[in-house]
Amino acid sequence: MTALAPPASGAYVVDTRTGRVGQVRGGAGPYLRLRPVGGGREWECAPAAARPATAVERLRAATAYVNARSRGERA
């Protein structure tokens, strides 16, 4: 069995531990550094816990960000 290659920088993935969608910003040791859609605080995710985000998941995350911003919850 071969190991899957880690996602490329800039790819959108879902952290299956948290259900959050993030953009891959690079690696930190054995972990991926993910940034939320729309910006914000980065978090680390094990590559085995990341899967590619679907177009629907990316759109849902972007819509949630825009809605929160319109309510003044985000800058």
N, C-alpha and C. Protein backbone atom coordinates (compact mmCIF):
# COMPACT_ATOMS: atom_id res chain seq x y z
N MET A 1 0.84 -1.17 0.00
CA MET A 1 0.00 0.00 0.00
C MET A 1 0.89 1.24 0.00
N THR A 2 0.61 2.21 -0.87
CA THR A 2 1.43 3.41 -0.95
C THR A 2 0.74 4.56 -0.23
N ALA A 3 1.56 5.43 0.34
CA ALA A 3 1.02 6.60 1.05
C ALA A 3 0.61 7.66 0.03
N LEU A 4 -0.47 8.36 0.33
CA LEU A 4 -0.92 9.44 -0.54
C LEU A 4 -0.02 10.65 -0.37
N ALA A 5 0.18 11.37 -1.45
CA ALA A 5 0.98 12.59 -1.38
C ALA A 5 0.18 13.66 -0.63
N PRO A 6 0.86 14.48 0.15
CA PRO A 6 0.13 15.54 0.86
C PRO A 6 -0.45 16.54 -0.14
N PRO A 7 -1.55 17.20 0.23
CA PRO A 7 -2.15 18.17 -0.68
C PRO A 7 -1.20 19.33 -0.96
N ALA A 8 -1.31 19.90 -2.14
CA ALA A 8 -0.45 21.01 -2.53
C ALA A 8 -0.83 22.27 -1.77
N SER A 9 0.13 23.14 -1.60
CA SER A 9 -0.12 24.44 -0.97
C SER A 9 -1.17 25.18 -1.79
N GLY A 10 -2.17 25.74 -1.12
CA GLY A 10 -3.25 26.45 -1.79
C GLY A 10 -4.49 25.61 -2.00
N ALA A 11 -4.38 24.28 -1.84
CA ALA A 11 -5.53 23.40 -2.01
C ALA A 11 -6.48 23.55 -0.83
N TYR A 12 -7.76 23.33 -1.06
CA TYR A 12 -8.75 23.37 0.00
C TYR A 12 -9.03 21.95 0.47
N VAL A 13 -8.99 21.76 1.78
CA VAL A 13 -9.22 20.44 2.36
C VAL A 13 -10.19 20.56 3.54
N VAL A 14 -10.74 19.42 3.94
CA VAL A 14 -11.58 19.34 5.13
C VAL A 14 -10.78 18.61 6.20
N ASP A 15 -10.68 19.21 7.37
CA ASP A 15 -10.09 18.56 8.54
C ASP A 15 -11.18 17.64 9.09
N THR A 16 -11.03 16.35 8.91
CA THR A 16 -12.08 15.41 9.30
C THR A 16 -12.25 15.31 10.81
N ARG A 17 -11.27 15.77 11.58
CA ARG A 17 -11.41 15.77 13.04
C ARG A 17 -12.39 16.84 13.50
N THR A 18 -12.38 18.00 12.80
CA THR A 18 -13.21 19.13 13.23
C THR A 18 -14.33 19.44 12.25
N GLY A 19 -14.22 18.98 11.02
CA GLY A 19 -15.21 19.30 9.99
C GLY A 19 -14.99 20.66 9.35
N ARG A 20 -13.91 21.34 9.71
CA ARG A 20 -13.63 22.67 9.17
C ARG A 20 -12.95 22.59 7.81
N VAL A 21 -13.27 23.54 6.95
CA VAL A 21 -12.64 23.65 5.63
C VAL A 21 -11.51 24.65 5.75
N GLY A 22 -10.35 24.30 5.22
CA GLY A 22 -9.21 25.19 5.27
C GLY A 22 -8.39 25.11 4.00
N GLN A 23 -7.59 26.15 3.81
CA GLN A 23 -6.67 26.19 2.68
C GLN A 23 -5.29 25.81 3.18
N VAL A 24 -4.63 24.90 2.49
CA VAL A 24 -3.31 24.45 2.89
C VAL A 24 -2.32 25.60 2.69
N ARG A 25 -1.62 25.96 3.76
CA ARG A 25 -0.64 27.04 3.72
C ARG A 25 0.78 26.51 3.75
N GLY A 26 0.92 25.21 3.93
CA GLY A 26 2.24 24.60 3.98
C GLY A 26 2.28 23.53 5.05
N GLY A 27 3.47 23.16 5.44
CA GLY A 27 3.63 22.12 6.46
C GLY A 27 4.39 22.64 7.66
N ALA A 28 4.16 22.01 8.78
CA ALA A 28 4.88 22.30 10.02
C ALA A 28 5.25 20.96 10.62
N GLY A 29 6.44 20.49 10.33
CA GLY A 29 6.83 19.16 10.76
C GLY A 29 5.95 18.13 10.06
N PRO A 30 5.36 17.22 10.83
CA PRO A 30 4.52 16.20 10.19
C PRO A 30 3.09 16.66 9.93
N TYR A 31 2.76 17.90 10.23
CA TYR A 31 1.39 18.40 10.11
C TYR A 31 1.23 19.37 8.94
N LEU A 32 -0.02 19.52 8.50
CA LEU A 32 -0.38 20.54 7.52
C LEU A 32 -0.80 21.79 8.28
N ARG A 33 -0.47 22.95 7.75
CA ARG A 33 -0.95 24.22 8.31
C ARG A 33 -2.14 24.64 7.46
N LEU A 34 -3.31 24.77 8.08
CA LEU A 34 -4.53 25.14 7.38
C LEU A 34 -5.00 26.52 7.84
N ARG A 35 -5.57 27.26 6.91
CA ARG A 35 -6.12 28.58 7.20
C ARG A 35 -7.59 28.59 6.80
N PRO A 36 -8.46 29.13 7.65
CA PRO A 36 -9.89 29.13 7.31
C PRO A 36 -10.18 29.94 6.05
N VAL A 37 -11.27 29.59 5.38
CA VAL A 37 -11.72 30.35 4.22
C VAL A 37 -12.03 31.78 4.69
N GLY A 38 -11.52 32.77 3.99
CA GLY A 38 -11.73 34.16 4.38
C GLY A 38 -10.67 34.69 5.31
N GLY A 39 -9.73 33.85 5.71
CA GLY A 39 -8.66 34.28 6.61
C GLY A 39 -8.96 33.94 8.05
N GLY A 40 -8.00 34.19 8.87
CA GLY A 40 -8.14 33.89 10.29
C GLY A 40 -6.96 33.11 10.81
N ARG A 41 -7.13 32.60 12.01
CA ARG A 41 -6.06 31.88 12.69
C ARG A 41 -5.84 30.51 12.07
N GLU A 42 -4.59 30.21 11.77
CA GLU A 42 -4.24 28.91 11.20
C GLU A 42 -4.29 27.83 12.27
N TRP A 43 -4.48 26.59 11.82
CA TRP A 43 -4.40 25.46 12.74
C TRP A 43 -3.66 24.33 12.04
N GLU A 44 -3.24 23.36 12.83
CA GLU A 44 -2.51 22.21 12.31
C GLU A 44 -3.43 21.02 12.19
N CYS A 45 -3.16 20.21 11.18
CA CYS A 45 -3.97 19.03 10.90
C CYS A 45 -3.03 17.92 10.41
N ALA A 46 -3.25 16.72 10.93
CA ALA A 46 -2.48 15.58 10.44
C ALA A 46 -2.89 15.29 8.99
N PRO A 47 -1.93 15.01 8.12
CA PRO A 47 -2.29 14.73 6.72
C PRO A 47 -3.30 13.59 6.57
N ALA A 48 -3.27 12.62 7.47
CA ALA A 48 -4.21 11.50 7.39
C ALA A 48 -5.63 11.94 7.72
N ALA A 49 -5.79 13.08 8.41
CA ALA A 49 -7.11 13.58 8.79
C ALA A 49 -7.64 14.60 7.79
N ALA A 50 -6.92 14.83 6.70
CA ALA A 50 -7.34 15.81 5.69
C ALA A 50 -7.82 15.09 4.44
N ARG A 51 -8.90 15.61 3.89
CA ARG A 51 -9.39 15.10 2.60
C ARG A 51 -9.75 16.30 1.73
N PRO A 52 -9.71 16.15 0.42
CA PRO A 52 -10.04 17.28 -0.45
C PRO A 52 -11.47 17.77 -0.20
N ALA A 53 -11.64 19.08 -0.19
CA ALA A 53 -12.97 19.68 -0.02
C ALA A 53 -13.70 19.67 -1.36
N THR A 54 -14.98 19.40 -1.30
CA THR A 54 -15.80 19.45 -2.51
C THR A 54 -16.13 20.91 -2.81
N ALA A 55 -16.63 21.15 -4.01
CA ALA A 55 -17.02 22.51 -4.38
C ALA A 55 -18.13 23.02 -3.46
N VAL A 56 -19.04 22.15 -3.07
CA VAL A 56 -20.14 22.54 -2.17
C VAL A 56 -19.58 22.94 -0.80
N GLU A 57 -18.64 22.18 -0.29
CA GLU A 57 -18.05 22.49 1.01
C GLU A 57 -17.30 23.82 0.98
N ARG A 58 -16.58 24.08 -0.11
CA ARG A 58 -15.87 25.35 -0.24
C ARG A 58 -16.86 26.51 -0.30
N LEU A 59 -17.94 26.35 -1.07
CA LEU A 59 -18.95 27.40 -1.18
C LEU A 59 -19.65 27.64 0.15
N ARG A 60 -19.96 26.57 0.87
CA ARG A 60 -20.62 26.70 2.17
C ARG A 60 -19.71 27.46 3.15
N ALA A 61 -18.42 27.16 3.17
CA ALA A 61 -17.49 27.85 4.07
C ALA A 61 -17.36 29.33 3.69
N ALA A 62 -17.30 29.62 2.38
CA ALA A 62 -17.20 31.02 1.93
C ALA A 62 -18.47 31.79 2.26
N THR A 63 -19.62 31.16 2.11
CA THR A 63 -20.90 31.81 2.43
C THR A 63 -21.00 32.09 3.92
N ALA A 64 -20.58 31.14 4.75
CA ALA A 64 -20.61 31.35 6.20
C ALA A 64 -19.72 32.52 6.59
N TYR A 65 -18.57 32.65 5.96
CA TYR A 65 -17.66 33.77 6.25
C TYR A 65 -18.31 35.10 5.86
N VAL A 66 -18.88 35.18 4.66
CA VAL A 66 -19.50 36.42 4.19
C VAL A 66 -20.68 36.81 5.08
N ASN A 67 -21.48 35.83 5.48
CA ASN A 67 -22.61 36.12 6.36
C ASN A 67 -22.14 36.63 7.72
N ALA A 68 -21.12 36.01 8.28
CA ALA A 68 -20.59 36.46 9.57
C ALA A 68 -20.02 37.86 9.45
N ARG A 69 -19.38 38.15 8.34
CA ARG A 69 -18.82 39.48 8.13
C ARG A 69 -19.93 40.53 8.01
N SER A 70 -21.01 40.19 7.35
CA SER A 70 -22.12 41.16 7.19
C SER A 70 -22.81 41.45 8.53
N ARG A 71 -22.74 40.49 9.47
CA ARG A 71 -23.32 40.68 10.79
C ARG A 71 -22.35 41.39 11.73
N GLY A 72 -21.13 41.67 11.27
CA GLY A 72 -20.13 42.34 12.10
C GLY A 72 -19.37 41.40 13.02
N GLU A 73 -19.49 40.12 12.80
CA GLU A 73 -18.80 39.15 13.64
C GLU A 73 -17.35 38.94 13.22
N ARG A 74 -17.03 39.34 12.02
CA ARG A 74 -15.66 39.22 11.48
C ARG A 74 -15.27 40.53 10.83
N ALA A 75 -14.00 40.78 10.81
CA ALA A 75 -13.51 42.02 10.17
C ALA A 75 -13.24 41.80 8.71
